[in-house]
């Protein structure tokens, strides 16, 4: 059975739960995510997702100039560990300009 992709809200909840834990117990993290209404995941998939996010965050701090590739075409954020919210999503800053809203008469 194929599981749905991680959503931005699920990622934020995962990061919050893991950062609040004194020692991360993945079974407890999975149970907490399930209580919050997210899809049932395995401990291994949740752990791998969190570790991928952490490695990406560390790389942003250590090597900011080397990470100019692999950006999302929609919002411009780095793809590794990224869940895009689209043009109007939570990951995009409002620039006041919207695509496709030309002055057509």
C-alpha atoms as a PDB file:
ATOM      1  CA  UNK A   1       0.000   0.000   0.000  1.00  0.00           C
ATOM      2  CA  UNK A   2       1.418   3.339  -1.044  1.00  0.00           C
ATOM      3  CA  UNK A   3       1.395   6.064   1.596  1.00  0.00           C
ATOM      4  CA  UNK A   4       0.564   9.672   0.733  1.00  0.00           C
ATOM      5  CA  UNK A   5       3.375  12.207   0.641  1.00  0.00           C
ATOM      6  CA  UNK A   6       4.237  14.193   3.740  1.00  0.00           C
ATOM      7  CA  UNK A   7       2.431  17.529   3.823  1.00  0.00           C
ATOM      8  CA  UNK A   8       3.822  20.809   5.058  1.00  0.00           C
ATOM      9  CA  UNK A   9       1.585  20.698   8.134  1.00  0.00           C
ATOM     10  CA  UNK A  10       2.719  17.166   8.897  1.00  0.00           C
ATOM     11  CA  UNK A  11       6.365  18.211   8.563  1.00  0.00           C
ATOM     12  CA  UNK A  12       5.838  21.153  10.910  1.00  0.00           C
ATOM     13  CA  UNK A  13       4.093  18.902  13.458  1.00  0.00           C
ATOM     14  CA  UNK A  14       6.895  16.325  13.197  1.00  0.00           C
ATOM     15  CA  UNK A  15       9.571  18.967  13.753  1.00  0.00           C
ATOM     16  CA  UNK A  16       7.663  20.403  16.720  1.00  0.00           C
ATOM     17  CA  UNK A  17       7.157  17.006  18.360  1.00  0.00           C
ATOM     18  CA  UNK A  18      10.791  15.987  17.839  1.00  0.00           C
ATOM     19  CA  UNK A  19      12.172  19.310  19.107  1.00  0.00           C
ATOM     20  CA  UNK A  20      10.051  19.143  22.284  1.00  0.00           C
ATOM     21  CA  UNK A  21      11.187  15.606  23.095  1.00  0.00           C
ATOM     22  CA  UNK A  22      14.089  15.169  25.462  1.00  0.00           C
ATOM     23  CA  UNK A  23      14.921  11.873  23.779  1.00  0.00           C
ATOM     24  CA  UNK A  24      13.190  11.076  20.512  1.00  0.00           C
ATOM     25  CA  UNK A  25      11.249   7.827  20.651  1.00  0.00           C
ATOM     26  CA  UNK A  26       9.934   7.305  17.170  1.00  0.00           C
ATOM     27  CA  UNK A  27       7.022   5.102  18.235  1.00  0.00           C
ATOM     28  CA  UNK A  28       5.784   7.943  20.443  1.00  0.00           C
ATOM     29  CA  UNK A  29       6.269  10.470  17.638  1.00  0.00           C
ATOM     30  CA  UNK A  30       4.233   8.274  15.267  1.00  0.00           C
ATOM     31  CA  UNK A  31       1.483   7.934  17.889  1.00  0.00           C
ATOM     32  CA  UNK A  32       1.399  11.710  18.429  1.00  0.00           C
ATOM     33  CA  UNK A  33       1.165  12.377  14.691  1.00  0.00           C
ATOM     34  CA  UNK A  34      -1.686   9.887  14.435  1.00  0.00           C
ATOM     35  CA  UNK A  35      -3.484  11.588  17.360  1.00  0.00           C
ATOM     36  CA  UNK A  36      -3.210  14.903  15.503  1.00  0.00           C
ATOM     37  CA  UNK A  37      -5.023  13.353  12.536  1.00  0.00           C
ATOM     38  CA  UNK A  38      -2.158  12.694  10.144  1.00  0.00           C
ATOM     39  CA  UNK A  39      -1.880   9.457   8.111  1.00  0.00           C
ATOM     40  CA  UNK A  40      -0.504   6.368   9.797  1.00  0.00           C
ATOM     41  CA  UNK A  41       3.247   6.141   9.144  1.00  0.00           C
ATOM     42  CA  UNK A  42       5.950   3.702  10.105  1.00  0.00           C
ATOM     43  CA  UNK A  43       8.578   4.667  12.666  1.00  0.00           C
ATOM     44  CA  UNK A  44      11.236   4.265  10.012  1.00  0.00           C
ATOM     45  CA  UNK A  45       9.557   6.623   7.518  1.00  0.00           C
ATOM     46  CA  UNK A  46       9.032   9.313  10.182  1.00  0.00           C
ATOM     47  CA  UNK A  47      12.617   9.008  11.392  1.00  0.00           C
ATOM     48  CA  UNK A  48      14.006   9.192   7.855  1.00  0.00           C
ATOM     49  CA  UNK A  49      11.871  12.241   7.059  1.00  0.00           C
ATOM     50  CA  UNK A  50      13.046  14.046  10.193  1.00  0.00           C
ATOM     51  CA  UNK A  51      16.708  13.168   9.618  1.00  0.00           C
ATOM     52  CA  UNK A  52      16.507  14.321   5.993  1.00  0.00           C
ATOM     53  CA  UNK A  53      15.067  17.653   7.163  1.00  0.00           C
ATOM     54  CA  UNK A  54      17.774  18.012   9.848  1.00  0.00           C
ATOM     55  CA  UNK A  55      20.602  17.318   7.392  1.00  0.00           C
ATOM     56  CA  UNK A  56      19.147  19.886   5.002  1.00  0.00           C
ATOM     57  CA  UNK A  57      18.911  22.500   7.766  1.00  0.00           C
ATOM     58  CA  UNK A  58      22.521  21.859   8.780  1.00  0.00           C
ATOM     59  CA  UNK A  59      23.660  22.185   5.170  1.00  0.00           C
ATOM     60  CA  UNK A  60      21.900  25.552   4.887  1.00  0.00           C
ATOM     61  CA  UNK A  61      23.887  26.855   7.862  1.00  0.00           C
ATOM     62  CA  UNK A  62      27.258  25.367   6.885  1.00  0.00           C
ATOM     63  CA  UNK A  63      27.284  25.716   3.089  1.00  0.00           C
ATOM     64  CA  UNK A  64      24.801  28.397   2.031  1.00  0.00           C
ATOM     65  CA  UNK A  65      26.642  29.236  -1.228  1.00  0.00           C
ATOM     66  CA  UNK A  66      26.878  25.642  -2.454  1.00  0.00           C
ATOM     67  CA  UNK A  67      23.107  25.106  -2.297  1.00  0.00           C
ATOM     68  CA  UNK A  68      22.121  27.160  -5.366  1.00  0.00           C
ATOM     69  CA  UNK A  69      20.759  24.151  -7.234  1.00  0.00           C
ATOM     70  CA  UNK A  70      17.699  21.940  -6.845  1.00  0.00           C
ATOM     71  CA  UNK A  71      15.213  24.695  -6.099  1.00  0.00           C
ATOM     72  CA  UNK A  72      11.470  24.323  -6.477  1.00  0.00           C
ATOM     73  CA  UNK A  73      10.239  25.865  -9.713  1.00  0.00           C
ATOM     74  CA  UNK A  74       7.046  27.064  -8.073  1.00  0.00           C
ATOM     75  CA  UNK A  75       8.182  28.769  -4.866  1.00  0.00           C
ATOM     76  CA  UNK A  76      12.003  28.893  -5.139  1.00  0.00           C
ATOM     77  CA  UNK A  77      12.779  26.959  -1.940  1.00  0.00           C
ATOM     78  CA  UNK A  78      15.292  24.108  -1.877  1.00  0.00           C
ATOM     79  CA  UNK A  79      13.796  20.759  -2.904  1.00  0.00           C
ATOM     80  CA  UNK A  80      15.443  18.513  -0.298  1.00  0.00           C
ATOM     81  CA  UNK A  81      12.917  17.882   2.437  1.00  0.00           C
ATOM     82  CA  UNK A  82      10.539  20.373   0.807  1.00  0.00           C
ATOM     83  CA  UNK A  83       6.785  20.158   0.467  1.00  0.00           C
ATOM     84  CA  UNK A  84       5.571  22.924  -1.804  1.00  0.00           C
ATOM     85  CA  UNK A  85       2.373  24.731  -1.007  1.00  0.00           C
ATOM     86  CA  UNK A  86       2.149  26.128  -4.528  1.00  0.00           C
ATOM     87  CA  UNK A  87       1.902  29.785  -5.476  1.00  0.00           C
ATOM     88  CA  UNK A  88      -0.566  30.565  -2.684  1.00  0.00           C
ATOM     89  CA  UNK A  89       0.784  28.035  -0.188  1.00  0.00           C
ATOM     90  CA  UNK A  90       2.179  28.575   3.315  1.00  0.00           C
ATOM     91  CA  UNK A  91       5.796  28.330   2.124  1.00  0.00           C
ATOM     92  CA  UNK A  92       5.538  31.334  -0.221  1.00  0.00           C
ATOM     93  CA  UNK A  93       5.944  34.956   0.765  1.00  0.00           C
ATOM     94  CA  UNK A  94       3.339  37.297  -0.675  1.00  0.00           C
ATOM     95  CA  UNK A  95       5.093  39.541  -3.185  1.00  0.00           C
ATOM     96  CA  UNK A  96       1.923  41.363  -4.220  1.00  0.00           C
ATOM     97  CA  UNK A  97       2.251  40.060  -7.780  1.00  0.00           C
ATOM     98  CA  UNK A  98       0.186  37.098  -8.876  1.00  0.00           C
ATOM     99  CA  UNK A  99       0.848  35.069 -11.987  1.00  0.00           C
ATOM    100  CA  UNK A 100      -1.788  34.855 -14.655  1.00  0.00           C
ATOM    101  CA  UNK A 101      -3.765  37.930 -13.576  1.00  0.00           C
ATOM    102  CA  UNK A 102      -3.033  40.100 -16.584  1.00  0.00           C
ATOM    103  CA  UNK A 103      -5.171  43.049 -17.584  1.00  0.00           C
ATOM    104  CA  UNK A 104      -7.211  41.523 -20.331  1.00  0.00           C
ATOM    105  CA  UNK A 105     -10.241  43.268 -21.695  1.00  0.00           C
END
